[in-house]
C-alpha cells in the first residue's frame, strides 16, 4: 500500500498538487480512520500505533502523512476526551468510514503567528440568528484544499468576548484560499492560507467555547499524543533517505575503485552513524508512545517534548550526513534524496518549536 504512495510522491512534490489519490489509498487501507474510538465503532488506535502509521506514511510521502496526522489527531483526541457535539461527530464518523474525510484545526494567524507562543485569535465569530458568522485569515492550514471540516479558533464579538473552536464545513460559501503554500519541503501538503468571509456556522457546531483569557491559550505540554507521532513521521523521511543512501552505496562503483563504495570505510562509518541516530530516536519515540498508551505516570509531558526535540535533531542530522557524503548526486533533482533533504527541514518547524519545548523542559528541570 505505501509502495504505491511512495511511487506517486515525486510527482506530487513536483506539481504541489493535492495528493488525492494517495489519500484515497491510505483511506482504503484504514489508516485515516485508525484512531476513531471504539465507542464510535473504530479501532481506537493509540499513540504508538499512530506513530507507526505516520512513520510508514512519512517514509512513503510525508505530505500525505502530515495531512493524515491532522485527521488522526482529531479523532484520537475525541476518543480520549469527547468534546464534539454528538450528532455532528456521529455524522463525521459515518462519512469517514465511507470515504476519505479530512479535518484539521485552523489556528495560526498572520499577526499572531503560532498559538504555541501565546496570544488570542483575531478571527471573529459574530452572533447571527442561526449561530455564528466567522471572519478572519488562518495560515498554514494543512490539507486546506481537501478538508471536509475546518476547526477554526476564533474570538466572539460579544461584550465579554469568549474563545472557541467553530466547526466549519469545507463546503461552506465564503471560504477562500488567499495564500498558496510554496515551501521548500512538504510541497504537496497544501498548507495554504485560508480566509473566512462571514462563513456561517450553526449553533450546534461549536466546540469548547469559554472565557477570554490565559486559560484559553495553548498548553504546549499537553500535546504529547501528537508530538510523538509527528516525530515518527519525520523519522520515516529519514529512513527513506537512508534507504536511498544504501542503494547508492551498493550500486556506485567508481572506475578507480573497482568495487561498490559500500565497501569503503568512509561509507560504512557514515552508515553506522546514520543508523545509530535513527535507531536511538525511534526507540525514544516509540517507547514513549507506548508509555503514554499505558498511562505510565512516570512519563511526564516534558519527556515527550524532549523525545521530539532529539528525534527531529537526529532525523535532520542523518539526512544531512547522507547528502554530504554523496556530494552533488545527493542534491540532484534526479534522485529522491534531494526531496527527502527538503522534506526533513520541516521537522523542527512544527509547534511547539524547539526553543519553546526546551523552555518547558528546563522550567520543569529547575522546579521539579
Protein backbone atom coordinates (compact mmCIF):
# COMPACT_ATOMS: atom_id res chain seq x y z
CA UNK A 1 0.00 0.00 0.00
CA UNK A 2 2.65 2.55 0.99
CA UNK A 3 4.68 1.45 -2.03
CA UNK A 4 2.12 2.98 -4.37
CA UNK A 5 2.02 6.17 -2.27
CA UNK A 6 5.81 6.34 -2.50
CA UNK A 7 5.61 5.93 -6.28
CA UNK A 8 3.29 8.94 -6.52
CA UNK A 9 5.29 11.15 -4.14
CA UNK A 10 7.81 12.62 -6.59
CA UNK A 11 5.14 13.86 -8.99
CA UNK A 12 3.03 15.35 -6.21
CA UNK A 13 6.16 17.08 -4.91
CA UNK A 14 6.94 18.43 -8.40
CA UNK A 15 3.45 19.80 -9.05
CA UNK A 16 2.49 20.65 -5.43
CA UNK A 17 -0.95 19.26 -6.30
CA UNK A 18 -3.27 17.99 -3.58
CA UNK A 19 -2.41 14.25 -3.13
CA UNK A 20 -5.98 12.97 -3.51
CA UNK A 21 -5.05 9.58 -4.94
CA UNK A 22 -2.54 8.84 -2.18
CA UNK A 23 -5.07 9.81 0.48
CA UNK A 24 -7.64 7.54 -1.17
CA UNK A 25 -5.15 4.67 -0.91
CA UNK A 26 -4.48 5.48 2.74
CA UNK A 27 -8.22 5.58 3.45
CA UNK A 28 -8.84 2.21 1.76
CA UNK A 29 -6.14 0.75 3.99
CA UNK A 30 -7.99 2.07 7.05
CA UNK A 31 -5.26 4.48 8.01
CA UNK A 32 -7.34 7.67 8.08
CA UNK A 33 -9.86 6.15 10.50
CA UNK A 34 -7.46 4.16 12.69
CA UNK A 35 -7.82 6.43 15.72
CA UNK A 36 -11.62 6.66 15.76
CA UNK A 37 -12.58 5.49 19.23
CA UNK A 38 -14.04 2.06 19.90
CA UNK A 39 -17.13 3.74 21.37
CA UNK A 40 -17.77 5.14 17.87
CA UNK A 41 -17.17 1.86 16.04
CA UNK A 42 -13.49 2.46 15.30
CA UNK A 43 -10.34 0.59 16.16
CA UNK A 44 -9.21 3.08 18.80
CA UNK A 45 -5.54 3.13 17.77
CA UNK A 46 -3.36 4.62 20.48
CA UNK A 47 -0.33 6.88 20.35
CA UNK A 48 2.14 4.12 19.47
CA UNK A 49 0.04 2.77 16.59
CA UNK A 50 -0.50 6.33 15.33
CA UNK A 51 3.25 6.89 15.45
CA UNK A 52 3.91 3.72 13.48
CA UNK A 53 1.28 4.62 10.87
CA UNK A 54 2.83 8.05 10.38
CA UNK A 55 6.34 6.61 10.33
CA UNK A 56 5.28 4.35 7.46
CA UNK A 57 3.44 7.12 5.61
CA UNK A 58 6.29 9.55 6.25
CA UNK A 59 8.68 7.15 4.60
CA UNK A 60 6.38 6.97 1.57
CA UNK A 61 5.20 10.61 1.30
CA UNK A 62 5.41 12.98 4.28
CA UNK A 63 2.93 15.41 2.71
CA UNK A 64 0.30 12.68 2.76
CA UNK A 65 1.41 11.70 6.25
CA UNK A 66 1.04 15.24 7.58
CA UNK A 67 -2.47 15.62 6.17
CA UNK A 68 -3.36 12.24 7.69
CA UNK A 69 -1.75 13.21 11.01
CA UNK A 70 -4.14 16.11 11.49
CA UNK A 71 -7.18 13.90 10.94
CA UNK A 72 -5.82 11.08 13.10
CA UNK A 73 -5.04 13.50 15.93
CA UNK A 74 -8.55 14.94 15.82
CA UNK A 75 -10.18 11.53 16.13
CA UNK A 76 -7.70 10.42 18.81
CA UNK A 77 -8.49 13.40 20.99
CA UNK A 78 -12.22 12.82 20.63
CA UNK A 79 -11.77 9.16 21.60
CA UNK A 80 -9.98 10.08 24.82
CA UNK A 81 -11.90 13.21 25.75
CA UNK A 82 -15.20 13.65 23.83
CA UNK A 83 -15.78 17.30 23.05
CA UNK A 84 -17.55 17.42 19.67
CA UNK A 85 -21.34 17.86 19.52
CA UNK A 86 -22.58 14.25 19.48
CA UNK A 87 -24.77 14.42 16.37
CA UNK A 88 -22.13 16.20 14.36
CA UNK A 89 -19.37 13.76 15.28
CA UNK A 90 -21.63 10.79 14.53
CA UNK A 91 -22.10 12.23 11.04
CA UNK A 92 -18.35 12.73 10.60
CA UNK A 93 -17.64 9.14 11.66
CA UNK A 94 -20.28 7.67 9.36
CA UNK A 95 -18.90 9.53 6.36
CA UNK A 96 -15.31 8.73 7.35
CA UNK A 97 -15.92 5.00 7.01
CA UNK A 98 -17.40 5.56 3.54
CA UNK A 99 -14.79 7.89 2.00
CA UNK A 100 -11.70 9.94 2.92
CA UNK A 101 -12.92 12.64 5.33
CA UNK A 102 -10.26 15.13 6.36
CA UNK A 103 -10.31 17.55 9.26
CA UNK A 104 -7.80 19.97 10.69
CA UNK A 105 -7.51 22.85 13.12
CA UNK A 106 -7.10 26.35 11.71
CA UNK A 107 -5.27 28.27 14.44
CA UNK A 108 -2.18 30.11 13.15
CA UNK A 109 -2.76 33.71 12.04
CA UNK A 110 -0.73 36.33 10.09
CA UNK A 111 -0.28 38.65 13.07
CA UNK A 112 -0.49 36.19 15.95
CA UNK A 113 1.74 33.51 14.49
CA UNK A 114 1.52 30.15 16.26
CA UNK A 115 -0.69 29.94 19.37
CA UNK A 116 2.15 27.93 20.94
CA UNK A 117 3.75 31.26 21.78
CA UNK A 118 0.64 32.65 23.44
CA UNK A 119 -1.92 35.19 22.40
CA UNK A 120 -5.53 35.07 21.23
CA UNK A 121 -7.05 34.98 17.76
CA UNK A 122 -8.03 37.98 15.67
CA UNK A 123 -10.51 35.80 13.78
CA UNK A 124 -14.00 36.83 14.86
CA UNK A 125 -17.20 34.88 15.44
CA UNK A 126 -20.22 37.16 15.06
CA UNK A 127 -23.61 36.21 16.50
CA UNK A 128 -26.35 35.55 13.96
CA UNK A 129 -29.94 34.37 14.19
CA UNK A 130 -28.89 30.79 13.38
CA UNK A 131 -25.50 30.61 15.04
CA UNK A 132 -22.29 32.39 14.11
CA UNK A 133 -20.55 34.04 11.17
CA UNK A 134 -16.77 33.51 11.07
CA UNK A 135 -14.39 36.07 9.54
CA UNK A 136 -10.61 36.04 9.54
CA UNK A 137 -7.49 34.60 7.95
CA UNK A 138 -5.62 31.50 9.08
CA UNK A 139 -2.17 30.45 7.95
CA UNK A 140 -0.57 27.07 7.22
CA UNK A 141 -3.82 25.10 7.19
CA UNK A 142 -2.51 21.70 6.13
CA UNK A 143 -4.65 19.93 3.55
CA UNK A 144 -6.77 23.06 3.03
CA UNK A 145 -7.98 22.20 -0.47
CA UNK A 146 -9.30 18.82 0.60
CA UNK A 147 -10.58 19.48 4.12
CA UNK A 148 -14.13 18.47 4.90
CA UNK A 149 -14.02 20.25 8.25
CA UNK A 150 -12.05 23.28 9.43
CA UNK A 151 -11.82 23.62 13.21
CA UNK A 152 -11.48 27.39 13.37
CA UNK A 153 -10.18 29.03 16.54
CA UNK A 154 -11.90 32.40 16.97
CA UNK A 155 -12.90 35.09 19.44
CA UNK A 156 -16.57 36.04 19.77
CA UNK A 157 -17.75 39.61 19.21
CA UNK A 158 -19.75 39.63 22.45
CA UNK A 159 -19.49 42.37 25.08
CA UNK A 160 -17.49 39.89 27.14
CA UNK A 161 -15.56 38.02 24.42
CA UNK A 162 -15.13 34.28 24.58
CA UNK A 163 -12.83 31.98 22.64
CA UNK A 164 -13.87 28.75 20.99
CA UNK A 165 -13.42 26.35 18.12
CA UNK A 166 -16.04 26.61 15.39
CA UNK A 167 -16.54 23.55 13.19
CA UNK A 168 -16.81 24.87 9.64
CA UNK A 169 -17.85 22.64 6.75
CA UNK A 170 -15.35 22.75 3.91
CA UNK A 171 -18.29 23.10 1.51
CA UNK A 172 -19.44 26.37 3.09
CA UNK A 173 -19.67 29.52 0.95
CA UNK A 174 -17.15 32.22 1.83
CA UNK A 175 -14.04 30.05 2.27
CA UNK A 176 -11.14 31.25 0.10
CA UNK A 177 -7.54 30.16 -0.25
CA UNK A 178 -5.77 33.51 -0.11
CA UNK A 179 -2.14 32.42 0.10
CA UNK A 180 -0.65 29.47 -1.76
CA UNK A 181 1.72 27.11 0.03
CA UNK A 182 5.03 27.33 -1.86
CA UNK A 183 7.65 25.99 0.50
CA UNK A 184 10.95 24.15 0.28
CA UNK A 185 9.55 20.91 1.70
CA UNK A 186 6.26 19.04 2.03
CA UNK A 187 5.14 20.78 -1.13
CA UNK A 188 2.06 18.59 -1.59
CA UNK A 189 0.75 19.15 1.94
CA UNK A 190 -1.37 22.06 0.72
CA UNK A 191 -0.77 24.09 3.88
CA UNK A 192 -2.34 27.20 2.39
CA UNK A 193 -3.55 30.43 3.95
CA UNK A 194 -7.34 30.41 4.21
CA UNK A 195 -9.67 33.38 4.66
CA UNK A 196 -13.18 33.00 6.03
CA UNK A 197 -15.60 35.67 4.82
CA UNK A 198 -18.66 35.68 7.09
CA UNK A 199 -18.85 31.90 6.91
CA UNK A 200 -22.00 30.65 8.60
CA UNK A 201 -21.74 28.09 11.39
CA UNK A 202 -24.87 26.66 13.06
CA UNK A 203 -25.28 26.78 16.85
CA UNK A 204 -24.59 23.05 17.10
CA UNK A 205 -21.13 23.23 15.54
CA UNK A 206 -19.14 24.86 18.32
CA UNK A 207 -16.51 23.17 20.49
CA UNK A 208 -15.23 24.29 23.86
CA UNK A 209 -16.25 27.92 23.87
CA UNK A 210 -15.10 29.68 27.04
CA UNK A 211 -13.85 32.87 28.71
CA UNK A 212 -11.28 35.10 27.06
CA UNK A 213 -8.00 34.84 28.99
CA UNK A 214 -4.80 32.84 29.61
CA UNK A 215 -6.78 29.63 30.20
CA UNK A 216 -7.83 29.73 26.55
CA UNK A 217 -4.24 29.67 25.30
CA UNK A 218 -2.46 26.60 24.03
CA UNK A 219 -0.88 24.24 26.56
CA UNK A 220 2.33 23.06 24.89
CA UNK A 221 2.85 20.34 27.50
CA UNK A 222 -0.50 18.69 26.79
CA UNK A 223 0.14 17.59 23.21
CA UNK A 224 2.34 14.52 23.69
CA UNK A 225 -0.14 12.37 21.80
CA UNK A 226 0.59 14.47 18.71
CA UNK A 227 4.26 15.38 19.33
CA UNK A 228 5.49 11.78 19.24
CA UNK A 229 3.60 10.70 16.08
CA UNK A 230 4.85 13.84 14.32
CA UNK A 231 8.40 12.97 15.33
CA UNK A 232 7.84 9.46 13.96
CA UNK A 233 6.60 10.91 10.67
CA UNK A 234 9.89 12.71 10.06
CA UNK A 235 11.94 9.72 11.19
CA UNK A 236 10.13 7.94 8.35
CA UNK A 237 11.51 10.59 5.98
CA UNK A 238 14.99 9.97 7.34
CA UNK A 239 14.59 6.22 6.86
CA UNK A 240 13.63 6.81 3.22
CA UNK A 241 16.77 8.90 2.80
CA UNK A 242 18.80 6.15 4.45
CA UNK A 243 17.37 3.58 2.02
CA UNK A 244 18.49 5.64 -0.96
CA UNK A 245 21.89 6.15 0.63
CA UNK A 246 22.29 2.38 0.97
CA UNK A 247 21.18 1.80 -2.64
CA UNK A 248 23.67 4.37 -3.89
CA UNK A 249 26.45 2.86 -1.82
CA UNK A 250 25.85 -0.62 -3.23
CA UNK A 251 25.47 0.45 -6.87
CA UNK A 252 28.11 3.17 -7.19
CA UNK A 253 31.34 1.62 -8.49
CA UNK A 254 33.97 4.29 -9.31
CA UNK A 255 36.35 3.27 -12.07
CA UNK A 256 39.39 3.95 -9.90
CA UNK A 257 37.99 1.82 -7.07
CA UNK A 258 36.70 -1.27 -8.85
CA UNK A 259 34.07 -2.14 -6.23
CA UNK A 260 30.98 -0.53 -4.65
CA UNK A 261 31.63 2.40 -2.34
CA UNK A 262 29.65 0.49 0.31
CA UNK A 263 32.83 -1.46 0.98
CA UNK A 264 34.85 1.64 1.88
CA UNK A 265 35.44 2.61 5.49
CA UNK A 266 34.10 6.10 4.82
CA UNK A 267 30.68 4.87 3.71
CA UNK A 268 30.48 2.15 6.36
CA UNK A 269 31.32 4.63 9.12
CA UNK A 270 28.69 7.11 7.92
CA UNK A 271 26.15 4.31 7.51
CA UNK A 272 26.81 3.36 11.10
CA UNK A 273 26.38 6.89 12.37
CA UNK A 274 23.09 7.29 10.48
CA UNK A 275 21.76 4.02 11.89
CA UNK A 276 22.71 4.95 15.44
CA UNK A 277 20.99 8.32 15.13
CA UNK A 278 17.76 6.88 13.74
CA UNK A 279 17.57 3.76 15.89
CA UNK A 280 18.06 5.79 19.08
CA UNK A 281 15.45 8.35 18.03
CA UNK A 282 12.92 5.65 17.13
CA UNK A 283 13.43 3.97 20.47
CA UNK A 284 12.76 7.24 22.28
CA UNK A 285 9.64 7.95 20.24
CA UNK A 286 8.05 4.51 20.18
CA UNK A 287 8.90 3.66 23.78
CA UNK A 288 7.48 7.00 24.88
CA UNK A 289 4.33 6.41 22.84
CA UNK A 290 3.88 3.00 24.46
CA UNK A 291 4.21 4.58 27.91
CA UNK A 292 1.55 7.15 27.04
CA UNK A 293 -0.79 4.38 25.92
CA UNK A 294 -0.16 2.53 29.17
CA UNK A 295 -0.89 5.62 31.24
CA UNK A 296 2.58 5.48 32.77
CA UNK A 297 2.65 8.30 35.32
CA UNK A 298 6.46 8.24 35.34
CA UNK A 299 6.46 9.60 31.77
CA UNK A 300 5.79 13.36 32.10
CA UNK A 301 4.81 15.64 29.19
CA UNK A 302 8.27 17.22 29.22
CA UNK A 303 9.81 13.86 28.38
CA UNK A 304 7.65 13.59 25.26
CA UNK A 305 8.69 17.11 24.25
CA UNK A 306 12.32 16.12 24.75
CA UNK A 307 11.90 12.97 22.67
CA UNK A 308 10.56 15.04 19.82
CA UNK A 309 13.39 17.58 20.06
CA UNK A 310 16.00 14.82 19.89
CA UNK A 311 14.16 12.89 17.17
CA UNK A 312 13.97 16.00 14.99
CA UNK A 313 17.65 16.74 15.54
CA UNK A 314 18.65 13.16 14.77
CA UNK A 315 16.49 12.93 11.66
CA UNK A 316 17.80 16.18 10.20
CA UNK A 317 21.39 15.21 11.01
CA UNK A 318 21.05 11.73 9.50
CA UNK A 319 19.81 13.04 6.17
CA UNK A 320 22.44 15.77 6.17
CA UNK A 321 25.17 13.15 6.61
CA UNK A 322 23.88 11.17 3.65
CA UNK A 323 23.73 14.24 1.42
CA UNK A 324 27.20 15.42 2.41
CA UNK A 325 28.78 12.06 1.65
CA UNK A 326 27.13 11.75 -1.75
CA UNK A 327 28.05 15.29 -2.74
CA UNK A 328 26.49 16.57 -5.98
CA UNK A 329 24.41 13.41 -6.57
CA UNK A 330 22.80 13.96 -3.17
CA UNK A 331 21.47 17.35 -4.23
CA UNK A 332 20.40 16.35 -7.72
CA UNK A 333 16.68 16.54 -8.52
CA UNK A 334 17.16 13.28 -10.39
CA UNK A 335 17.04 11.22 -7.18
CA UNK A 336 14.77 11.13 -4.13
CA UNK A 337 17.46 12.10 -1.60
CA UNK A 338 17.19 15.75 -2.63
CA UNK A 339 13.44 15.62 -1.89
CA UNK A 340 13.98 13.87 1.44
CA UNK A 341 16.54 16.54 2.37
CA UNK A 342 13.99 19.28 1.66
CA UNK A 343 11.19 17.49 3.48
CA UNK A 344 13.18 16.80 6.65
CA UNK A 345 13.82 20.54 7.07
CA UNK A 346 10.13 20.87 8.03
CA UNK A 347 10.54 18.67 11.12
CA UNK A 348 11.62 21.42 13.58
CA UNK A 349 9.08 23.92 12.24
CA UNK A 350 6.01 22.38 13.87
CA UNK A 351 4.75 23.98 17.06
CA UNK A 352 5.90 23.96 19.72
CA UNK A 353 9.28 24.72 18.20
CA UNK A 354 12.50 23.69 19.87
CA UNK A 355 13.03 26.84 21.93
CA UNK A 356 9.52 26.64 23.42
CA UNK A 357 9.95 22.93 24.15
CA UNK A 358 13.34 23.47 25.83
CA UNK A 359 11.86 26.29 27.91
CA UNK A 360 9.15 23.96 29.23
CA UNK A 361 11.67 21.16 29.83
CA UNK A 362 14.12 23.49 31.57
CA UNK A 363 11.42 25.03 33.74
CA UNK A 364 10.42 21.56 34.94
CA UNK A 365 14.05 20.56 35.50
CA UNK A 366 14.74 23.63 37.63
CA UNK A 367 11.49 23.28 39.56
CA UNK A 368 10.90 19.52 39.98
